[in-house]
Amino acid sequence: MQILIHLSFAILAISLVLCFVRLVIGPSLPDRVVALELLSMIIVGIIGVHALQSDETSFLDVAIVVALMSFLATVGFARFLERGGRRDD
């Protein structure tokens, strides 16, 4: 079980780095918003794997809160772009 947890952490860490690269290099603001959403979901995954590793269920509550905050931020960004906010086209 520990090997799978460490493998999951490694895969999530690699995806976190690649997503951060997309966040920095992203050609437009909507691309950066999608990368930020993915970044937060990867963080939720890391928190979930850590909850499995430590057998601490309170980390799942933290993951749920982070996911909800990420969703609300994405909705806010989408409304901003829909109303004609700044675009990097």
PDB file of N, CA and C in Angstrom:
ATOM      1  N   MET A   1       0.826  -1.201   0.000  1.00  0.00           N
ATOM      2  CA  MET A   1       0.000   0.000   0.000  1.00  0.00           C
ATOM      3  C   MET A   1       0.865   1.259   0.000  1.00  0.00           C
ATOM      4  N   GLN A   2       1.949   1.237   0.738  1.00  0.00           N
ATOM      5  CA  GLN A   2       2.835   2.403   0.807  1.00  0.00           C
ATOM      6  C   GLN A   2       3.468   2.710  -0.550  1.00  0.00           C
ATOM      7  N   ILE A   3       3.753   1.674  -1.330  1.00  0.00           N
ATOM      8  CA  ILE A   3       4.340   1.895  -2.655  1.00  0.00           C
ATOM      9  C   ILE A   3       3.344   2.641  -3.545  1.00  0.00           C
ATOM     10  N   LEU A   4       2.080   2.260  -3.478  1.00  0.00           N
ATOM     11  CA  LEU A   4       1.061   2.943  -4.274  1.00  0.00           C
ATOM     12  C   LEU A   4       0.871   4.395  -3.839  1.00  0.00           C
ATOM     13  N   ILE A   5       0.952   4.633  -2.544  1.00  0.00           N
ATOM     14  CA  ILE A   5       0.820   5.999  -2.042  1.00  0.00           C
ATOM     15  C   ILE A   5       1.989   6.854  -2.515  1.00  0.00           C
ATOM     16  N   HIS A   6       3.200   6.319  -2.426  1.00  0.00           N
ATOM     17  CA  HIS A   6       4.371   7.069  -2.883  1.00  0.00           C
ATOM     18  C   HIS A   6       4.333   7.281  -4.399  1.00  0.00           C
ATOM     19  N   LEU A   7       3.864   6.286  -5.126  1.00  0.00           N
ATOM     20  CA  LEU A   7       3.713   6.435  -6.575  1.00  0.00           C
ATOM     21  C   LEU A   7       2.669   7.507  -6.910  1.00  0.00           C
ATOM     22  N   SER A   8       1.585   7.534  -6.162  1.00  0.00           N
ATOM     23  CA  SER A   8       0.554   8.558  -6.364  1.00  0.00           C
ATOM     24  C   SER A   8       1.097   9.950  -6.075  1.00  0.00           C
ATOM     25  N   PHE A   9       1.881  10.077  -4.998  1.00  0.00           N
ATOM     26  CA  PHE A   9       2.499  11.363  -4.702  1.00  0.00           C
ATOM     27  C   PHE A   9       3.441  11.801  -5.820  1.00  0.00           C
ATOM     28  N   ALA A  10       4.208  10.871  -6.370  1.00  0.00           N
ATOM     29  CA  ALA A  10       5.143  11.201  -7.443  1.00  0.00           C
ATOM     30  C   ALA A  10       4.401  11.654  -8.697  1.00  0.00           C
ATOM     31  N   ILE A  11       3.350  10.938  -9.062  1.00  0.00           N
ATOM     32  CA  ILE A  11       2.577  11.310 -10.244  1.00  0.00           C
ATOM     33  C   ILE A  11       1.901  12.667 -10.046  1.00  0.00           C
ATOM     34  N   LEU A  12       1.354  12.899  -8.859  1.00  0.00           N
ATOM     35  CA  LEU A  12       0.718  14.185  -8.587  1.00  0.00           C
ATOM     36  C   LEU A  12       1.740  15.317  -8.571  1.00  0.00           C
ATOM     37  N   ALA A  13       2.944  15.051  -8.084  1.00  0.00           N
ATOM     38  CA  ALA A  13       3.984  16.081  -8.074  1.00  0.00           C
ATOM     39  C   ALA A  13       4.413  16.442  -9.497  1.00  0.00           C
ATOM     40  N   ILE A  14       4.558  15.444 -10.346  1.00  0.00           N
ATOM     41  CA  ILE A  14       4.922  15.710 -11.739  1.00  0.00           C
ATOM     42  C   ILE A  14       3.822  16.506 -12.434  1.00  0.00           C
ATOM     43  N   SER A  15       2.579  16.121 -12.208  1.00  0.00           N
ATOM     44  CA  SER A  15       1.475  16.848 -12.833  1.00  0.00           C
ATOM     45  C   SER A  15       1.357  18.266 -12.272  1.00  0.00           C
ATOM     46  N   LEU A  16       1.706  18.446 -11.009  1.00  0.00           N
ATOM     47  CA  LEU A  16       1.691  19.777 -10.400  1.00  0.00           C
ATOM     48  C   LEU A  16       2.716  20.688 -11.073  1.00  0.00           C
ATOM     49  N   VAL A  17       3.906  20.166 -11.325  1.00  0.00           N
ATOM     50  CA  VAL A  17       4.951  20.945 -11.996  1.00  0.00           C
ATOM     51  C   VAL A  17       4.535  21.288 -13.427  1.00  0.00           C
ATOM     52  N   LEU A  18       4.002  20.307 -14.156  1.00  0.00           N
ATOM     53  CA  LEU A  18       3.580  20.558 -15.530  1.00  0.00           C
ATOM     54  C   LEU A  18       2.429  21.573 -15.593  1.00  0.00           C
ATOM     55  N   CYS A  19       1.529  21.491 -14.647  1.00  0.00           N
ATOM     56  CA  CYS A  19       0.415  22.436 -14.607  1.00  0.00           C
ATOM     57  C   CYS A  19       0.912  23.842 -14.262  1.00  0.00           C
ATOM     58  N   PHE A  20       1.895  23.937 -13.390  1.00  0.00           N
ATOM     59  CA  PHE A  20       2.456  25.246 -13.063  1.00  0.00           C
ATOM     60  C   PHE A  20       3.152  25.859 -14.273  1.00  0.00           C
ATOM     61  N   VAL A  21       3.813  25.018 -15.056  1.00  0.00           N
ATOM     62  CA  VAL A  21       4.434  25.509 -16.289  1.00  0.00           C
ATOM     63  C   VAL A  21       3.363  26.057 -17.225  1.00  0.00           C
ATOM     64  N   ARG A  22       2.252  25.361 -17.364  1.00  0.00           N
ATOM     65  CA  ARG A  22       1.153  25.845 -18.211  1.00  0.00           C
ATOM     66  C   ARG A  22       0.587  27.147 -17.652  1.00  0.00           C
ATOM     67  N   LEU A  23       0.536  27.270 -16.349  1.00  0.00           N
ATOM     68  CA  LEU A  23       0.026  28.492 -15.730  1.00  0.00           C
ATOM     69  C   LEU A  23       0.918  29.676 -16.063  1.00  0.00           C
ATOM     70  N   VAL A  24       2.217  29.482 -16.061  1.00  0.00           N
ATOM     71  CA  VAL A  24       3.155  30.566 -16.340  1.00  0.00           C
ATOM     72  C   VAL A  24       3.211  30.880 -17.831  1.00  0.00           C
ATOM     73  N   ILE A  25       3.235  29.852 -18.674  1.00  0.00           N
ATOM     74  CA  ILE A  25       3.429  30.037 -20.109  1.00  0.00           C
ATOM     75  C   ILE A  25       2.117  30.277 -20.853  1.00  0.00           C
ATOM     76  N   GLY A  26       0.999  29.918 -20.256  1.00  0.00           N
ATOM     77  CA  GLY A  26      -0.295  29.985 -20.940  1.00  0.00           C
ATOM     78  C   GLY A  26      -0.467  31.211 -21.816  1.00  0.00           C
ATOM     79  N   PRO A  27      -0.853  31.034 -23.058  1.00  0.00           N
ATOM     80  CA  PRO A  27      -0.895  32.175 -23.973  1.00  0.00           C
ATOM     81  C   PRO A  27      -2.022  33.173 -23.686  1.00  0.00           C
ATOM     82  N   SER A  28      -3.088  32.755 -23.058  1.00  0.00           N
ATOM     83  CA  SER A  28      -4.185  33.689 -22.804  1.00  0.00           C
ATOM     84  C   SER A  28      -4.710  33.509 -21.383  1.00  0.00           C
ATOM     85  N   LEU A  29      -5.514  34.459 -20.951  1.00  0.00           N
ATOM     86  CA  LEU A  29      -6.063  34.411 -19.606  1.00  0.00           C
ATOM     87  C   LEU A  29      -6.973  33.203 -19.380  1.00  0.00           C
ATOM     88  N   PRO A  30      -7.859  32.830 -20.313  1.00  0.00           N
ATOM     89  CA  PRO A  30      -8.664  31.617 -20.084  1.00  0.00           C
ATOM     90  C   PRO A  30      -7.811  30.352 -19.924  1.00  0.00           C
ATOM     91  N   ASP A  31      -6.691  30.265 -20.641  1.00  0.00           N
ATOM     92  CA  ASP A  31      -5.797  29.120 -20.458  1.00  0.00           C
ATOM     93  C   ASP A  31      -5.215  29.103 -19.050  1.00  0.00           C
ATOM     94  N   ARG A  32      -4.888  30.261 -18.563  1.00  0.00           N
ATOM     95  CA  ARG A  32      -4.341  30.346 -17.204  1.00  0.00           C
ATOM     96  C   ARG A  32      -5.397  30.009 -16.153  1.00  0.00           C
ATOM     97  N   VAL A  33      -6.641  30.385 -16.414  1.00  0.00           N
ATOM     98  CA  VAL A  33      -7.726  30.063 -15.480  1.00  0.00           C
ATOM     99  C   VAL A  33      -7.932  28.553 -15.419  1.00  0.00           C
ATOM    100  N   VAL A  34      -7.906  27.897 -16.555  1.00  0.00           N
ATOM    101  CA  VAL A  34      -8.051  26.439 -16.588  1.00  0.00           C
ATOM    102  C   VAL A  34      -6.877  25.772 -15.881  1.00  0.00           C
ATOM    103  N   ALA A  35      -5.673  26.290 -16.083  1.00  0.00           N
ATOM    104  CA  ALA A  35      -4.496  25.731 -15.409  1.00  0.00           C
ATOM    105  C   ALA A  35      -4.595  25.932 -13.901  1.00  0.00           C
ATOM    106  N   LEU A  36      -5.113  27.070 -13.465  1.00  0.00           N
ATOM    107  CA  LEU A  36      -5.281  27.319 -12.037  1.00  0.00           C
ATOM    108  C   LEU A  36      -6.309  26.371 -11.430  1.00  0.00           C
ATOM    109  N   GLU A  37      -7.391  26.116 -12.169  1.00  0.00           N
ATOM    110  CA  GLU A  37      -8.400  25.152 -11.711  1.00  0.00           C
ATOM    111  C   GLU A  37      -7.795  23.752 -11.587  1.00  0.00           C
ATOM    112  N   LEU A  38      -7.020  23.360 -12.582  1.00  0.00           N
ATOM    113  CA  LEU A  38      -6.372  22.049 -12.538  1.00  0.00           C
ATOM    114  C   LEU A  38      -5.375  21.976 -11.397  1.00  0.00           C
ATOM    115  N   LEU A  39      -4.659  23.061 -11.160  1.00  0.00           N
ATOM    116  CA  LEU A  39      -3.695  23.108 -10.059  1.00  0.00           C
ATOM    117  C   LEU A  39      -4.382  22.874  -8.721  1.00  0.00           C
ATOM    118  N   SER A  40      -5.522  23.508  -8.537  1.00  0.00           N
ATOM    119  CA  SER A  40      -6.242  23.321  -7.271  1.00  0.00           C
ATOM    120  C   SER A  40      -6.803  21.907  -7.142  1.00  0.00           C
ATOM    121  N   MET A  41      -7.219  21.302  -8.251  1.00  0.00           N
ATOM    122  CA  MET A  41      -7.711  19.924  -8.179  1.00  0.00           C
ATOM    123  C   MET A  41      -6.570  18.939  -7.889  1.00  0.00           C
ATOM    124  N   ILE A  42      -5.394  19.217  -8.384  1.00  0.00           N
ATOM    125  CA  ILE A  42      -4.239  18.376  -8.061  1.00  0.00           C
ATOM    126  C   ILE A  42      -3.920  18.499  -6.573  1.00  0.00           C
ATOM    127  N   ILE A  43      -4.041  19.697  -6.035  1.00  0.00           N
ATOM    128  CA  ILE A  43      -3.810  19.895  -4.602  1.00  0.00           C
ATOM    129  C   ILE A  43      -4.847  19.129  -3.793  1.00  0.00           C
ATOM    130  N   VAL A  44      -6.092  19.110  -4.265  1.00  0.00           N
ATOM    131  CA  VAL A  44      -7.127  18.312  -3.594  1.00  0.00           C
ATOM    132  C   VAL A  44      -6.740  16.831  -3.618  1.00  0.00           C
ATOM    133  N   GLY A  45      -6.215  16.375  -4.752  1.00  0.00           N
ATOM    134  CA  GLY A  45      -5.749  14.987  -4.842  1.00  0.00           C
ATOM    135  C   GLY A  45      -4.616  14.696  -3.882  1.00  0.00           C
ATOM    136  N   ILE A  46      -3.681  15.624  -3.749  1.00  0.00           N
ATOM    137  CA  ILE A  46      -2.568  15.439  -2.815  1.00  0.00           C
ATOM    138  C   ILE A  46      -3.087  15.369  -1.386  1.00  0.00           C
ATOM    139  N   ILE A  47      -4.032  16.228  -1.056  1.00  0.00           N
ATOM    140  CA  ILE A  47      -4.612  16.191   0.290  1.00  0.00           C
ATOM    141  C   ILE A  47      -5.330  14.861   0.523  1.00  0.00           C
ATOM    142  N   GLY A  48      -6.038  14.367  -0.491  1.00  0.00           N
ATOM    143  CA  GLY A  48      -6.740  13.086  -0.358  1.00  0.00           C
ATOM    144  C   GLY A  48      -5.784  11.914  -0.177  1.00  0.00           C
ATOM    145  N   VAL A  49      -4.699  11.906  -0.929  1.00  0.00           N
ATOM    146  CA  VAL A  49      -3.713  10.825  -0.771  1.00  0.00           C
ATOM    147  C   VAL A  49      -3.049  10.915   0.596  1.00  0.00           C
ATOM    148  N   HIS A  50      -2.793  12.144   1.056  1.00  0.00           N
ATOM    149  CA  HIS A  50      -2.209  12.294   2.394  1.00  0.00           C
ATOM    150  C   HIS A  50      -3.183  11.819   3.468  1.00  0.00           C
ATOM    151  N   ALA A  51      -4.482  12.034   3.256  1.00  0.00           N
ATOM    152  CA  ALA A  51      -5.482  11.532   4.209  1.00  0.00           C
ATOM    153  C   ALA A  51      -5.455  10.011   4.260  1.00  0.00           C
ATOM    154  N   LEU A  52      -5.268   9.373   3.102  1.00  0.00           N
ATOM    155  CA  LEU A  52      -5.155   7.911   3.086  1.00  0.00           C
ATOM    156  C   LEU A  52      -3.890   7.440   3.790  1.00  0.00           C
ATOM    157  N   GLN A  53      -2.806   8.173   3.579  1.00  0.00           N
ATOM    158  CA  GLN A  53      -1.534   7.772   4.163  1.00  0.00           C
ATOM    159  C   GLN A  53      -1.543   7.917   5.686  1.00  0.00           C
ATOM    160  N   SER A  54      -2.138   8.986   6.182  1.00  0.00           N
ATOM    161  CA  SER A  54      -2.084   9.249   7.615  1.00  0.00           C
ATOM    162  C   SER A  54      -3.286   8.700   8.381  1.00  0.00           C
ATOM    163  N   ASP A  55      -4.256   8.136   7.684  1.00  0.00           N
ATOM    164  CA  ASP A  55      -5.492   7.640   8.318  1.00  0.00           C
ATOM    165  C   ASP A  55      -6.197   8.717   9.138  1.00  0.00           C
ATOM    166  N   GLU A  56      -6.108   9.935   8.659  1.00  0.00           N
ATOM    167  CA  GLU A  56      -6.736  11.073   9.334  1.00  0.00           C
ATOM    168  C   GLU A  56      -7.868  11.582   8.444  1.00  0.00           C
ATOM    169  N   THR A  57      -9.107  11.398   8.893  1.00  0.00           N
ATOM    170  CA  THR A  57     -10.255  11.746   8.056  1.00  0.00           C
ATOM    171  C   THR A  57     -10.515  13.247   7.992  1.00  0.00           C
ATOM    172  N   SER A  58      -9.948  14.012   8.908  1.00  0.00           N
ATOM    173  CA  SER A  58     -10.190  15.462   8.882  1.00  0.00           C
ATOM    174  C   SER A  58      -9.557  16.119   7.654  1.00  0.00           C
ATOM    175  N   PHE A  59      -8.550  15.468   7.055  1.00  0.00           N
ATOM    176  CA  PHE A  59      -7.959  16.009   5.833  1.00  0.00           C
ATOM    177  C   PHE A  59      -8.952  15.963   4.663  1.00  0.00           C
ATOM    178  N   LEU A  60      -9.882  15.042   4.705  1.00  0.00           N
ATOM    179  CA  LEU A  60     -10.906  14.989   3.653  1.00  0.00           C
ATOM    180  C   LEU A  60     -11.820  16.200   3.714  1.00  0.00           C
ATOM    181  N   ASP A  61     -12.080  16.693   4.929  1.00  0.00           N
ATOM    182  CA  ASP A  61     -12.854  17.929   5.068  1.00  0.00           C
ATOM    183  C   ASP A  61     -12.104  19.109   4.458  1.00  0.00           C
ATOM    184  N   VAL A  62     -10.803  19.142   4.671  1.00  0.00           N
ATOM    185  CA  VAL A  62      -9.979  20.202   4.081  1.00  0.00           C
ATOM    186  C   VAL A  62     -10.012  20.108   2.560  1.00  0.00           C
ATOM    187  N   ALA A  63      -9.946  18.901   2.026  1.00  0.00           N
ATOM    188  CA  ALA A  63      -9.987  18.717   0.574  1.00  0.00           C
ATOM    189  C   ALA A  63     -11.318  19.197   0.005  1.00  0.00           C
ATOM    190  N   ILE A  64     -12.402  18.933   0.700  1.00  0.00           N
ATOM    191  CA  ILE A  64     -13.719  19.382   0.245  1.00  0.00           C
ATOM    192  C   ILE A  64     -13.796  20.906   0.246  1.00  0.00           C
ATOM    193  N   VAL A  65     -13.266  21.542   1.276  1.00  0.00           N
ATOM    194  CA  VAL A  65     -13.285  23.001   1.352  1.00  0.00           C
ATOM    195  C   VAL A  65     -12.444  23.605   0.230  1.00  0.00           C
ATOM    196  N   VAL A  66     -11.265  23.052  -0.029  1.00  0.00           N
ATOM    197  CA  VAL A  66     -10.409  23.555  -1.103  1.00  0.00           C
ATOM    198  C   VAL A  66     -11.108  23.384  -2.457  1.00  0.00           C
ATOM    199  N   ALA A  67     -11.764  22.255  -2.664  1.00  0.00           N
ATOM    200  CA  ALA A  67     -12.469  22.027  -3.927  1.00  0.00           C
ATOM    201  C   ALA A  67     -13.625  23.014  -4.103  1.00  0.00           C
ATOM    202  N   LEU A  68     -14.363  23.289  -3.062  1.00  0.00           N
ATOM    203  CA  LEU A  68     -15.467  24.247  -3.154  1.00  0.00           C
ATOM    204  C   LEU A  68     -14.961  25.665  -3.404  1.00  0.00           C
ATOM    205  N   MET A  69     -13.874  26.047  -2.739  1.00  0.00           N
ATOM    206  CA  MET A  69     -13.305  27.372  -2.966  1.00  0.00           C
ATOM    207  C   MET A  69     -12.785  27.497  -4.389  1.00  0.00           C
ATOM    208  N   SER A  70     -12.199  26.438  -4.895  1.00  0.00           N
ATOM    209  CA  SER A  70     -11.703  26.437  -6.268  1.00  0.00           C
ATOM    210  C   SER A  70     -12.855  26.580  -7.259  1.00  0.00           C
ATOM    211  N   PHE A  71     -13.931  25.889  -7.002  1.00  0.00           N
ATOM    212  CA  PHE A  71     -15.105  25.988  -7.874  1.00  0.00           C
ATOM    213  C   PHE A  71     -15.651  27.411  -7.886  1.00  0.00           C
ATOM    214  N   LEU A  72     -15.763  28.017  -6.718  1.00  0.00           N
ATOM    215  CA  LEU A  72     -16.286  29.377  -6.651  1.00  0.00           C
ATOM    216  C   LEU A  72     -15.351  30.368  -7.344  1.00  0.00           C
ATOM    217  N   ALA A  73     -14.054  30.162  -7.219  1.00  0.00           N
ATOM    218  CA  ALA A  73     -13.102  31.041  -7.908  1.00  0.00           C
ATOM    219  C   ALA A  73     -13.215  30.883  -9.415  1.00  0.00           C
ATOM    220  N   THR A  74     -13.411  29.672  -9.888  1.00  0.00           N
ATOM    221  CA  THR A  74     -13.570  29.444 -11.322  1.00  0.00           C
ATOM    222  C   THR A  74     -14.843  30.094 -11.840  1.00  0.00           C
ATOM    223  N   VAL A  75     -15.910  30.008 -11.086  1.00  0.00           N
ATOM    224  CA  VAL A  75     -17.158  30.671 -11.483  1.00  0.00           C
ATOM    225  C   VAL A  75     -16.951  32.184 -11.532  1.00  0.00           C
ATOM    226  N   GLY A  76     -16.221  32.715 -10.564  1.00  0.00           N
ATOM    227  CA  GLY A  76     -15.932  34.147 -10.561  1.00  0.00           C
ATOM    228  C   GLY A  76     -15.109  34.574 -11.762  1.00  0.00           C
ATOM    229  N   PHE A  77     -14.076  33.792 -12.102  1.00  0.00           N
ATOM    230  CA  PHE A  77     -13.272  34.095 -13.287  1.00  0.00           C
ATOM    231  C   PHE A  77     -14.112  34.011 -14.557  1.00  0.00           C
ATOM    232  N   ALA A  78     -14.984  33.020 -14.639  1.00  0.00           N
ATOM    233  CA  ALA A  78     -15.816  32.851 -15.829  1.00  0.00           C
ATOM    234  C   ALA A  78     -16.772  34.035 -15.983  1.00  0.00           C
ATOM    235  N   ARG A  79     -17.350  34.488 -14.900  1.00  0.00           N
ATOM    236  CA  ARG A  79     -18.244  35.650 -14.974  1.00  0.00           C
ATOM    237  C   ARG A  79     -17.478  36.904 -15.369  1.00  0.00           C
ATOM    238  N   PHE A  80     -16.249  37.028 -14.865  1.00  0.00           N
ATOM    239  CA  PHE A  80     -15.415  38.172 -15.213  1.00  0.00           C
ATOM    240  C   PHE A  80     -15.116  38.180 -16.701  1.00  0.00           C
ATOM    241  N   LEU A  81     -14.759  37.029 -17.247  1.00  0.00           N
ATOM    242  CA  LEU A  81     -14.457  36.949 -18.676  1.00  0.00           C
ATOM    243  C   LEU A  81     -15.702  37.120 -19.529  1.00  0.00           C
ATOM    244  N   GLU A  82     -16.835  36.614 -19.030  1.00  0.00           N
ATOM    245  CA  GLU A  82     -18.085  36.736 -19.775  1.00  0.00           C
ATOM    246  C   GLU A  82     -18.530  38.188 -19.899  1.00  0.00           C
ATOM    247  N   ARG A  83     -18.268  38.968 -18.897  1.00  0.00           N
ATOM    248  CA  ARG A  83     -18.687  40.367 -18.918  1.00  0.00           C
ATOM    249  C   ARG A  83     -17.698  41.274 -19.640  1.00  0.00           C
ATOM    250  N   GLY A  84     -16.768  40.665 -20.343  1.00  0.00           N
ATOM    251  CA  GLY A  84     -15.852  41.467 -21.148  1.00  0.00           C
ATOM    252  C   GLY A  84     -14.608  41.886 -20.400  1.00  0.00           C
ATOM    253  N   GLY A  85     -14.180  41.089 -19.441  1.00  0.00           N
ATOM    254  CA  GLY A  85     -12.970  41.391 -18.700  1.00  0.00           C
ATOM    255  C   GLY A  85     -11.743  41.314 -19.572  1.00  0.00           C
ATOM    256  N   ARG A  86     -10.623  41.582 -19.003  1.00  0.00           N
ATOM    257  CA  ARG A  86      -9.351  41.599 -19.722  1.00  0.00           C
ATOM    258  C   ARG A  86      -9.074  40.254 -20.373  1.00  0.00           C
ATOM    259  N   ARG A  87      -8.652  40.289 -21.629  1.00  0.00           N
ATOM    260  CA  ARG A  87      -8.288  39.069 -22.355  1.00  0.00           C
ATOM    261  C   ARG A  87      -6.920  39.283 -22.986  1.00  0.00           C
ATOM    262  N   ASP A  88      -6.158  38.204 -23.066  1.00  0.00           N
ATOM    263  CA  ASP A  88      -4.812  38.270 -23.642  1.00  0.00           C
ATOM    264  C   ASP A  88      -4.779  37.620 -25.012  1.00  0.00           C
ATOM    265  N   ASP A  89      -5.703  37.950 -25.865  1.00  0.00           N
ATOM    266  CA  ASP A  89      -5.779  37.307 -27.192  1.00  0.00           C
ATOM    267  C   ASP A  89      -4.713  37.778 -28.113  1.00  0.00           C
TER     268      ASP A  89
END
